[in-house]
Amino acid sequence: MNFAALRVVTYVIFHLALVAAIALYIHTLMGSDIAVTAYVNGHKIASVSNPAVIREAVYTLTLDSTNLSADFADGKLPPMVKVPRFNFDLDYRFSLIGAFGAQGLSSVRVCTEKLFDIVRESYAYAFVVFVDDVPVAATERYSDAEEAVEKVERLLDDATIGNGEDVDQVRICSSIKVQYGLCERAKILTPEGLYSKLERLLDIDIPEYSVAAKNTTPVNYAIDYGINRVITVNGTPVMASSVPAIQTENIIIETETYPIDYKTRYVESDEHYVGETFVLTKGSAGLQLVTYDLVMENGEVIERRIASRETIVRPTDEVIVVGTRPLPPAVPTGSFSFPVALPYTITSDFGVKRAEFDGDAYHFGVDFAGKKGDPVYAADGGTVVYAGYSPSYGLMIKIDHGNGLTTVYAHCSKLLLDVGDKVYKGQLIAHVGDTGTTTGTHLHFEIRKNGVYQDPLKHLEK
């Protein structure tokens, strides 16, 4: 074979091989799948047929994150209800796999289990301290978080106020709360570290003996804890360290007292007639102590708010009795009841000679003891024929009961009827007093028949 023929054969063989290689490559492509190898936080998770498998595994992990409590919780508190935000750095690498390689692809369940392993390695349940709903630090025990917050509050008692204001308190006005939940292990601090971090967040001048005062390294707290927010002052972005996370305010405490009005209650009683009302319990006002917080800034009050209210003296309700008993007929009954409330006390009987008071005159009635304002009742029904003032009898009422019978009620402090009024037996007509010629407060009561004085005790119902 000459050289020319050899070249032709070589050329044909080469192209046949090239065609065969291309055909084999096309066949391989047609019989192969694209695989995705997923890496999370630098860890190889698995090879999957589609990135959606990894995304579904992450979603499943988020929904089932409470299952991690068995690995981290101490059994004293339940895991946090809020869905945790896991810091997953996902990276994908693509490759081709043949029919046999497809058997090595992982399912959602397998990927989820591997993600759980990463979470167990990187996260732990801890107590996270939030300042104004922003997480700033975490610690293993709730008591450590609680003690750190208390130490920061105590620190305010010794704080040096930069502007030298004369105030009663320096108080935290930010919202500080502690929640239990998943946290990156790297963010969990010792009790000393937690206190130091909270101390650095205060917006006051820290005393020289403070640990935080010695730390002059500026810290961007937003970036330090992975908080994705931009803090601005007058529209200009600033570092979080220049805007303290724990805000405080200077407080002057002021107190004032205010009266508390009493309420009036009306109580119905069928023991008293319609139209009869009287005060059973006199009302009295109470007293309230109101404490104000005066928020100071540069020596001026910028806000005045109520801090607390305390009742020092409780008000006493005034109770007024209202009669509901139907009125009896305003007519004489022919018998007389006592004109004062029972039991009664007589200070002077009928017919007693009163030389020391009336010269040789006899006492033409009965004196019932009483206090000023005590009720006086009509001994029987009838018509008022006199209501006015007499020099000797003082304020008095005279009632005509018919059949020549009249009654007199003297020395009253107040009269409740006028001439011509019809009264019923037992009706309130006046109040006991000491008007006129008298040696003290009492009711002088008389019964007359056809103008002749009668001994009232012989006519009053027993």
Protein backbone atom coordinates (compact mmCIF):
# COMPACT_ATOMS: atom_id res chain seq x y z
CA MET A 1 0.00 0.00 0.00
CA ASN A 2 1.45 3.30 -1.03
CA PHE A 3 1.52 6.38 1.14
CA ALA A 4 -1.53 8.03 -0.43
CA ALA A 5 -3.72 5.02 0.24
CA LEU A 6 -2.51 4.95 3.87
CA ARG A 7 -3.55 8.55 4.35
CA VAL A 8 -7.02 7.84 3.03
CA VAL A 9 -7.47 4.87 5.34
CA THR A 10 -6.21 6.83 8.32
CA TYR A 11 -8.54 9.71 7.53
CA VAL A 12 -11.54 7.40 7.26
CA ILE A 13 -10.72 5.60 10.52
CA PHE A 14 -10.27 8.90 12.38
CA HIS A 15 -13.60 10.29 11.29
CA LEU A 16 -15.37 7.01 11.96
CA ALA A 17 -13.94 7.12 15.50
CA LEU A 18 -15.02 10.75 15.87
CA VAL A 19 -18.52 9.93 14.72
CA ALA A 20 -18.62 6.97 17.10
CA ALA A 21 -17.45 9.19 19.98
CA ILE A 22 -20.07 11.81 19.17
CA ALA A 23 -22.74 9.14 18.94
CA LEU A 24 -21.63 7.70 22.29
CA TYR A 25 -21.66 11.17 23.89
CA ILE A 26 -25.14 11.86 22.55
CA HIS A 27 -26.29 8.50 23.82
CA THR A 28 -24.77 9.23 27.24
CA LEU A 29 -26.49 12.59 27.39
CA MET A 30 -29.80 11.10 26.45
CA GLY A 31 -29.46 8.40 29.10
CA SER A 32 -28.08 10.61 31.91
CA ASP A 33 -29.54 13.07 34.44
CA ILE A 34 -28.23 16.31 35.91
CA ALA A 35 -27.47 15.96 39.61
CA VAL A 36 -27.11 18.77 42.17
CA THR A 37 -24.74 18.36 45.09
CA ALA A 38 -25.83 20.62 47.95
CA TYR A 39 -23.44 22.09 50.53
CA VAL A 40 -24.84 23.79 53.67
CA ASN A 41 -22.43 25.89 55.76
CA GLY A 42 -19.59 24.11 53.99
CA HIS A 43 -20.97 20.65 54.78
CA LYS A 44 -21.87 18.32 51.95
CA ILE A 45 -25.49 17.34 52.46
CA ALA A 46 -26.44 15.15 49.54
CA SER A 47 -26.83 14.86 45.80
CA VAL A 48 -30.34 15.56 44.62
CA SER A 49 -32.07 15.71 41.30
CA ASN A 50 -33.36 19.25 41.85
CA PRO A 51 -32.51 22.15 44.23
CA ALA A 52 -36.21 22.15 45.19
CA VAL A 53 -35.52 18.99 47.23
CA ILE A 54 -33.12 20.92 49.49
CA ARG A 55 -35.55 23.84 49.78
CA GLU A 56 -38.32 21.48 50.83
CA ALA A 57 -36.01 19.88 53.39
CA VAL A 58 -35.24 23.33 54.87
CA TYR A 59 -38.97 24.09 55.02
CA THR A 60 -39.66 20.75 56.69
CA LEU A 61 -36.91 21.40 59.22
CA THR A 62 -38.42 24.80 60.08
CA LEU A 63 -41.86 23.30 60.65
CA ASP A 64 -40.51 20.43 62.76
CA SER A 65 -37.92 22.46 64.70
CA THR A 66 -39.79 21.89 67.96
CA ASN A 67 -38.69 18.26 67.75
CA LEU A 68 -35.21 19.46 68.61
CA SER A 69 -36.31 20.13 72.18
CA ALA A 70 -35.51 16.54 73.10
CA ASP A 71 -31.88 17.24 72.36
CA PHE A 72 -31.48 20.66 74.00
CA ALA A 73 -34.26 21.38 76.48
CA ASP A 74 -33.71 20.69 80.17
CA GLY A 75 -37.33 19.69 80.65
CA LYS A 76 -38.19 22.81 82.69
CA LEU A 77 -39.46 25.00 79.88
CA PRO A 78 -41.06 24.29 76.48
CA PRO A 79 -39.29 25.38 73.29
CA MET A 80 -40.07 28.80 71.87
CA VAL A 81 -43.27 28.88 69.84
CA LYS A 82 -41.86 31.29 67.25
CA VAL A 83 -40.35 29.69 64.14
CA PRO A 84 -36.54 30.06 64.43
CA ARG A 85 -34.48 31.59 61.65
CA PHE A 86 -31.68 29.22 60.75
CA ASN A 87 -28.57 30.71 59.17
CA PHE A 88 -28.07 28.29 56.25
CA ASP A 89 -25.41 29.11 53.63
CA LEU A 90 -26.49 27.04 50.63
CA ASP A 91 -24.11 26.19 47.77
CA TYR A 92 -24.88 23.97 44.77
CA ARG A 93 -22.59 22.09 42.38
CA PHE A 94 -23.98 20.48 39.24
CA SER A 95 -22.83 17.22 37.60
CA LEU A 96 -24.10 14.49 35.25
CA ILE A 97 -24.93 11.04 36.46
CA GLY A 98 -25.85 7.94 34.54
CA ALA A 99 -28.69 5.57 35.12
CA PHE A 100 -26.82 3.76 37.86
CA GLY A 101 -25.74 7.03 39.50
CA ALA A 102 -29.37 8.11 39.92
CA GLN A 103 -29.75 5.48 42.59
CA GLY A 104 -27.50 7.57 44.87
CA LEU A 105 -29.73 10.68 44.88
CA SER A 106 -31.17 11.63 48.29
CA SER A 107 -34.80 12.17 49.17
CA VAL A 108 -36.35 15.05 51.12
CA ARG A 109 -36.42 12.88 54.23
CA VAL A 110 -32.71 12.08 54.02
CA CYS A 111 -31.82 15.73 53.40
CA THR A 112 -33.98 16.82 56.35
CA GLU A 113 -32.23 14.39 58.68
CA LYS A 114 -28.83 15.68 57.59
CA LEU A 115 -29.96 19.27 58.13
CA PHE A 116 -31.09 18.30 61.62
CA ASP A 117 -27.58 17.02 62.27
CA ILE A 118 -26.13 20.40 61.24
CA VAL A 119 -28.61 22.26 63.43
CA ARG A 120 -27.76 20.06 66.41
CA GLU A 121 -24.11 20.90 65.86
CA SER A 122 -24.53 24.67 65.35
CA TYR A 123 -27.62 25.56 67.44
CA ALA A 124 -28.78 25.09 71.00
CA TYR A 125 -31.79 26.10 73.05
CA ALA A 126 -30.99 29.17 75.14
CA PHE A 127 -32.52 32.22 76.76
CA VAL A 128 -32.35 35.14 74.35
CA VAL A 129 -32.48 38.71 75.67
CA PHE A 130 -34.47 41.09 73.47
CA VAL A 131 -34.20 44.87 73.68
CA ASP A 132 -37.12 46.58 71.97
CA ASP A 133 -37.89 43.27 70.21
CA VAL A 134 -34.32 43.00 68.86
CA PRO A 135 -32.17 40.04 70.06
CA VAL A 136 -28.92 41.28 71.59
CA ALA A 137 -27.52 38.36 73.59
CA ALA A 138 -28.21 34.85 74.88
CA THR A 139 -27.29 32.69 77.84
CA GLU A 140 -27.86 29.11 78.98
CA ARG A 141 -29.92 29.78 82.12
CA TYR A 142 -32.86 32.08 82.67
CA SER A 143 -31.53 33.06 86.10
CA ASP A 144 -28.35 34.37 84.44
CA ALA A 145 -30.38 36.55 82.07
CA GLU A 146 -32.59 37.79 84.90
CA GLU A 147 -29.61 38.60 87.12
CA ALA A 148 -27.80 40.42 84.31
CA VAL A 149 -30.82 42.68 83.70
CA GLU A 150 -31.12 43.36 87.45
CA LYS A 151 -27.42 44.24 87.67
CA VAL A 152 -27.83 46.70 84.81
CA GLU A 153 -30.77 48.30 86.63
CA ARG A 154 -28.72 48.54 89.83
CA LEU A 155 -25.93 50.09 87.83
CA LEU A 156 -28.23 52.99 87.01
CA ASP A 157 -28.38 53.92 90.69
CA ASP A 158 -24.65 54.68 90.61
CA ALA A 159 -24.50 56.04 87.07
CA THR A 160 -22.96 59.43 86.40
CA ILE A 161 -25.41 61.51 84.37
CA GLY A 162 -23.54 63.34 81.67
CA ASN A 163 -25.46 66.61 81.90
CA GLY A 164 -25.42 66.65 85.71
CA GLU A 165 -29.19 66.89 86.10
CA ASP A 166 -30.62 66.65 89.60
CA VAL A 167 -33.03 63.73 89.22
CA ASP A 168 -34.58 61.07 91.43
CA GLN A 169 -34.03 58.08 89.16
CA VAL A 170 -32.36 56.95 85.97
CA ARG A 171 -34.70 54.38 84.51
CA ILE A 172 -34.61 51.98 81.56
CA CYS A 173 -37.32 52.93 79.09
CA SER A 174 -36.54 50.25 76.51
CA SER A 175 -38.54 47.04 76.51
CA ILE A 176 -36.39 44.19 77.81
CA LYS A 177 -37.69 40.63 77.75
CA VAL A 178 -36.28 37.12 77.73
CA GLN A 179 -37.52 34.33 75.46
CA TYR A 180 -36.55 30.69 75.25
CA GLY A 181 -35.65 29.31 71.82
CA LEU A 182 -33.06 28.10 69.38
CA CYS A 183 -29.90 30.14 69.14
CA GLU A 184 -26.53 29.78 67.44
CA ARG A 185 -24.11 28.28 69.92
CA ALA A 186 -21.58 30.99 69.09
CA LYS A 187 -24.04 33.62 70.38
CA ILE A 188 -24.49 32.04 73.82
CA LEU A 189 -22.56 34.02 76.42
CA THR A 190 -21.38 33.39 79.94
CA PRO A 191 -23.18 35.32 82.74
CA GLU A 192 -20.29 37.78 82.87
CA GLY A 193 -20.27 38.17 79.09
CA LEU A 194 -24.02 38.75 79.00
CA TYR A 195 -23.85 41.45 81.68
CA SER A 196 -20.89 43.11 79.98
CA LYS A 197 -22.74 43.24 76.68
CA LEU A 198 -25.91 44.67 78.21
CA GLU A 199 -23.83 47.21 80.10
CA ARG A 200 -22.21 48.38 76.87
CA LEU A 201 -25.65 49.02 75.39
CA LEU A 202 -26.65 51.59 78.03
CA ASP A 203 -26.94 55.21 76.91
CA ILE A 204 -25.36 56.61 80.10
CA ASP A 205 -21.87 57.42 81.31
CA ILE A 206 -20.58 54.25 82.98
CA PRO A 207 -18.58 54.66 86.23
CA GLU A 208 -14.84 54.05 85.95
CA TYR A 209 -14.95 50.82 87.93
CA SER A 210 -17.22 49.27 85.30
CA VAL A 211 -15.85 46.45 83.18
CA ALA A 212 -17.59 47.86 80.14
CA ALA A 213 -15.95 51.25 80.59
CA LYS A 214 -12.57 49.63 79.99
CA ASN A 215 -13.69 48.22 76.64
CA THR A 216 -13.12 51.07 74.19
CA THR A 217 -13.38 48.95 71.05
CA PRO A 218 -16.34 50.19 68.95
CA VAL A 219 -18.87 47.46 68.26
CA ASN A 220 -21.56 47.40 65.64
CA TYR A 221 -24.18 45.57 67.68
CA ALA A 222 -26.55 45.20 64.75
CA ILE A 223 -23.96 43.32 62.71
CA ASP A 224 -22.64 41.52 65.80
CA TYR A 225 -25.92 39.70 66.29
CA GLY A 226 -26.91 39.46 62.65
CA ILE A 227 -29.69 42.07 62.87
CA ASN A 228 -30.61 43.19 59.40
CA ARG A 229 -31.63 46.81 59.86
CA VAL A 230 -30.27 50.28 59.12
CA ILE A 231 -30.28 52.81 61.96
CA THR A 232 -30.40 56.46 60.92
CA VAL A 233 -30.19 59.85 62.57
CA ASN A 234 -31.81 62.64 60.56
CA GLY A 235 -31.83 60.32 57.58
CA THR A 236 -28.10 59.52 57.76
CA PRO A 237 -27.15 55.84 58.34
CA VAL A 238 -24.99 55.35 61.43
CA MET A 239 -23.35 52.47 63.22
CA ALA A 240 -25.54 50.75 65.78
CA SER A 241 -22.91 51.40 68.45
CA SER A 242 -23.57 55.16 68.18
CA VAL A 243 -27.26 54.59 68.92
CA PRO A 244 -27.40 52.72 72.26
CA ALA A 245 -29.81 49.80 72.24
CA ILE A 246 -30.93 50.22 75.87
CA GLN A 247 -32.49 53.65 76.19
CA THR A 248 -32.70 55.35 79.59
CA GLU A 249 -34.43 58.46 80.86
CA ASN A 250 -33.89 60.84 83.78
CA ILE A 251 -36.88 60.92 86.12
CA ILE A 252 -38.08 63.33 88.81
CA ILE A 253 -40.86 61.83 90.92
CA GLU A 254 -43.77 64.09 91.88
CA THR A 255 -46.92 63.29 93.89
CA GLU A 256 -50.30 64.99 94.26
CA THR A 257 -53.48 64.12 96.12
CA TYR A 258 -56.98 64.36 94.69
CA PRO A 259 -60.41 63.87 96.23
CA ILE A 260 -62.50 60.89 95.14
CA ASP A 261 -66.18 61.72 94.87
CA TYR A 262 -68.54 59.45 96.73
CA LYS A 263 -71.49 57.77 95.08
CA THR A 264 -75.12 58.09 96.13
CA ARG A 265 -77.16 54.91 96.43
CA TYR A 266 -80.91 54.80 96.87
CA VAL A 267 -82.39 51.92 98.85
CA GLU A 268 -86.11 51.20 98.68
CA SER A 269 -87.91 50.24 101.90
CA ASP A 270 -91.49 49.13 102.41
CA GLU A 271 -91.18 50.05 106.07
CA HIS A 272 -91.52 53.71 105.11
CA TYR A 273 -94.31 55.44 103.23
CA VAL A 274 -94.09 56.76 99.69
CA GLY A 275 -92.61 60.26 99.79
CA GLU A 276 -90.53 59.56 102.87
CA THR A 277 -86.78 59.76 102.25
CA PHE A 278 -83.91 60.08 104.66
CA VAL A 279 -80.14 59.65 104.69
CA LEU A 280 -79.22 56.32 106.22
CA THR A 281 -75.45 56.72 105.71
CA LYS A 282 -73.87 60.08 105.04
CA GLY A 283 -71.40 60.01 102.16
CA SER A 284 -67.80 61.11 102.49
CA ALA A 285 -65.16 61.74 99.82
CA GLY A 286 -62.05 59.59 99.53
CA LEU A 287 -58.47 60.56 98.79
CA GLN A 288 -56.20 59.40 95.98
CA LEU A 289 -52.42 59.71 95.72
CA VAL A 290 -51.18 60.12 92.14
CA THR A 291 -47.47 59.67 91.38
CA TYR A 292 -46.08 61.38 88.27
CA ASP A 293 -42.86 60.69 86.37
CA LEU A 294 -41.32 63.88 85.04
CA VAL A 295 -38.93 63.03 82.20
CA MET A 296 -36.09 65.55 82.27
CA GLU A 297 -33.80 66.68 79.50
CA ASN A 298 -31.33 69.53 79.81
CA GLY A 299 -33.02 70.69 82.99
CA GLU A 300 -36.49 70.90 81.45
CA VAL A 301 -39.54 68.66 81.69
CA ILE A 302 -40.20 67.10 78.29
CA GLU A 303 -42.90 64.68 79.44
CA ARG A 304 -45.16 64.30 82.47
CA ARG A 305 -46.92 60.98 82.81
CA ILE A 306 -48.86 59.16 85.49
CA ALA A 307 -46.77 56.39 87.05
CA SER A 308 -49.30 55.08 89.58
CA ARG A 309 -52.53 55.78 91.40
CA GLU A 310 -53.10 54.76 95.02
CA THR A 311 -56.29 55.11 97.01
CA ILE A 312 -55.33 56.41 100.45
CA VAL A 313 -58.87 56.83 101.80
CA ARG A 314 -61.78 55.00 100.23
CA PRO A 315 -64.93 57.06 99.65
CA THR A 316 -68.07 56.16 101.60
CA ASP A 317 -71.26 55.88 99.59
CA GLU A 318 -74.18 57.97 100.72
CA VAL A 319 -77.21 55.74 101.27
CA ILE A 320 -80.66 57.30 101.00
CA VAL A 321 -83.74 55.30 101.98
CA VAL A 322 -86.79 55.79 99.78
CA GLY A 323 -90.14 54.69 101.17
CA THR A 324 -92.33 52.46 99.01
CA ARG A 325 -95.15 51.63 101.42
CA PRO A 326 -98.52 52.90 100.14
CA LEU A 327 -99.81 55.95 101.97
CA PRO A 328 -102.65 55.37 104.43
CA PRO A 329 -105.77 57.56 104.26
CA ALA A 330 -105.15 61.09 105.55
CA VAL A 331 -108.09 60.85 107.98
CA PRO A 332 -108.39 60.50 111.77
CA THR A 333 -108.44 56.97 113.15
CA GLY A 334 -109.61 57.90 116.67
CA SER A 335 -106.39 56.67 118.33
CA PHE A 336 -102.97 58.19 118.87
CA SER A 337 -99.49 56.71 118.31
CA PHE A 338 -96.23 58.00 119.77
CA PRO A 339 -94.91 61.09 117.95
CA VAL A 340 -91.27 59.96 118.33
CA ALA A 341 -89.39 56.80 117.46
CA LEU A 342 -89.50 54.00 119.99
CA PRO A 343 -88.16 53.36 122.53
CA TYR A 344 -88.92 56.77 123.99
CA THR A 345 -87.62 58.65 127.03
CA ILE A 346 -89.74 61.22 128.93
CA THR A 347 -87.85 64.10 130.50
CA SER A 348 -90.91 65.89 131.92
CA ASP A 349 -94.40 64.42 132.65
CA PHE A 350 -97.81 66.01 132.24
CA GLY A 351 -99.11 68.15 135.15
CA VAL A 352 -95.76 68.66 136.86
CA LYS A 353 -95.46 72.04 138.56
CA ARG A 354 -92.55 73.88 137.00
CA ALA A 355 -91.91 76.77 139.37
CA GLU A 356 -88.29 76.93 138.35
CA PHE A 357 -89.29 77.39 134.72
CA ASP A 358 -92.93 78.54 134.41
CA GLY A 359 -93.54 80.04 137.80
CA ASP A 360 -96.76 78.54 139.20
CA ALA A 361 -97.78 77.02 135.82
CA TYR A 362 -98.23 73.32 135.36
CA HIS A 363 -96.72 71.36 132.46
CA PHE A 364 -99.58 70.84 129.96
CA GLY A 365 -97.85 68.19 127.85
CA VAL A 366 -95.14 65.56 127.80
CA ASP A 367 -91.49 66.20 126.90
CA PHE A 368 -89.80 63.45 124.86
CA ALA A 369 -85.99 63.38 124.82
CA GLY A 370 -84.31 63.60 121.45
CA LYS A 371 -81.44 64.95 119.41
CA LYS A 372 -81.71 67.84 117.04
CA GLY A 373 -83.02 66.57 113.72
CA ASP A 374 -84.74 63.45 115.06
CA PRO A 375 -88.05 62.71 113.28
CA VAL A 376 -91.42 63.90 114.61
CA TYR A 377 -94.50 61.95 113.48
CA ALA A 378 -98.23 62.83 113.41
CA ALA A 379 -99.95 60.99 116.27
CA ASP A 380 -103.07 60.61 114.10
CA GLY A 381 -104.47 61.67 110.76
CA GLY A 382 -106.02 65.09 110.35
CA THR A 383 -105.55 68.64 109.01
CA VAL A 384 -102.81 71.12 109.85
CA VAL A 385 -104.42 74.20 111.42
CA TYR A 386 -101.21 75.94 112.51
CA ALA A 387 -97.59 75.81 111.36
CA GLY A 388 -95.30 78.56 112.51
CA TYR A 389 -93.35 80.17 115.32
CA SER A 390 -94.48 80.99 118.88
CA PRO A 391 -92.27 82.83 121.39
CA SER A 392 -92.75 80.13 124.01
CA TYR A 393 -93.43 77.07 121.83
CA GLY A 394 -90.88 77.96 119.13
CA LEU A 395 -91.49 76.23 115.78
CA MET A 396 -94.69 74.27 116.24
CA ILE A 397 -97.40 72.39 114.35
CA LYS A 398 -101.05 71.98 115.45
CA ILE A 399 -103.23 69.26 113.87
CA ASP A 400 -107.04 69.01 114.09
CA HIS A 401 -108.18 65.38 114.30
CA GLY A 402 -111.93 66.08 114.49
CA ASN A 403 -114.33 65.47 117.35
CA GLY A 404 -112.68 68.35 119.26
CA LEU A 405 -109.28 66.59 119.39
CA THR A 406 -106.07 68.46 118.53
CA THR A 407 -102.35 67.72 118.99
CA VAL A 408 -99.43 70.13 119.35
CA TYR A 409 -95.75 69.50 118.45
CA ALA A 410 -93.45 72.24 119.80
CA HIS A 411 -89.78 73.40 119.96
CA CYS A 412 -89.09 71.83 116.49
CA SER A 413 -85.98 72.64 114.46
CA LYS A 414 -87.77 72.28 111.12
CA LEU A 415 -91.41 72.07 109.98
CA LEU A 416 -92.36 69.96 106.96
CA LEU A 417 -96.04 70.97 106.58
CA ASP A 418 -98.15 74.03 105.92
CA VAL A 419 -101.59 75.06 107.12
CA GLY A 420 -104.26 73.10 105.30
CA ASP A 421 -102.14 70.04 104.58
CA LYS A 422 -103.80 66.68 105.12
CA VAL A 423 -101.72 64.21 107.11
CA TYR A 424 -101.98 60.55 107.86
CA LYS A 425 -101.20 58.78 111.08
CA GLY A 426 -97.43 58.27 111.48
CA GLN A 427 -96.47 60.80 108.77
CA LEU A 428 -93.16 62.65 109.20
CA ILE A 429 -94.15 66.26 109.94
CA ALA A 430 -91.14 67.92 111.64
CA HIS A 431 -87.73 67.47 113.29
CA VAL A 432 -86.84 67.73 116.97
CA GLY A 433 -85.18 70.98 118.06
CA ASP A 434 -84.79 73.54 120.87
CA THR A 435 -86.56 76.63 119.50
CA GLY A 436 -88.67 78.88 121.72
CA THR A 437 -88.45 78.89 125.51
CA THR A 438 -86.65 75.70 126.39
CA THR A 439 -83.84 74.35 128.50
CA GLY A 440 -82.63 71.84 125.87
CA THR A 441 -83.41 69.83 122.79
CA HIS A 442 -86.65 67.85 123.06
CA LEU A 443 -90.20 67.49 121.65
CA HIS A 444 -93.05 69.03 123.67
CA PHE A 445 -96.24 67.08 122.78
CA GLU A 446 -99.81 67.99 123.78
CA ILE A 447 -103.28 66.46 123.30
CA ARG A 448 -106.29 68.74 123.76
CA LYS A 449 -109.98 67.85 123.74
CA ASN A 450 -112.32 70.79 123.20
CA GLY A 451 -109.48 73.03 124.37
CA VAL A 452 -108.84 71.11 127.59
CA TYR A 453 -105.31 69.70 128.08
CA GLN A 454 -105.18 65.94 128.35
CA ASP A 455 -102.50 63.63 129.73
CA PRO A 456 -100.96 62.30 126.46
CA LEU A 457 -99.77 59.05 128.06
CA LYS A 458 -103.41 58.10 128.79
CA HIS A 459 -104.28 58.41 125.08
CA LEU A 460 -101.19 57.05 123.35
CA GLU A 461 -101.29 53.48 122.10
CA LYS A 462 -99.25 51.15 124.24
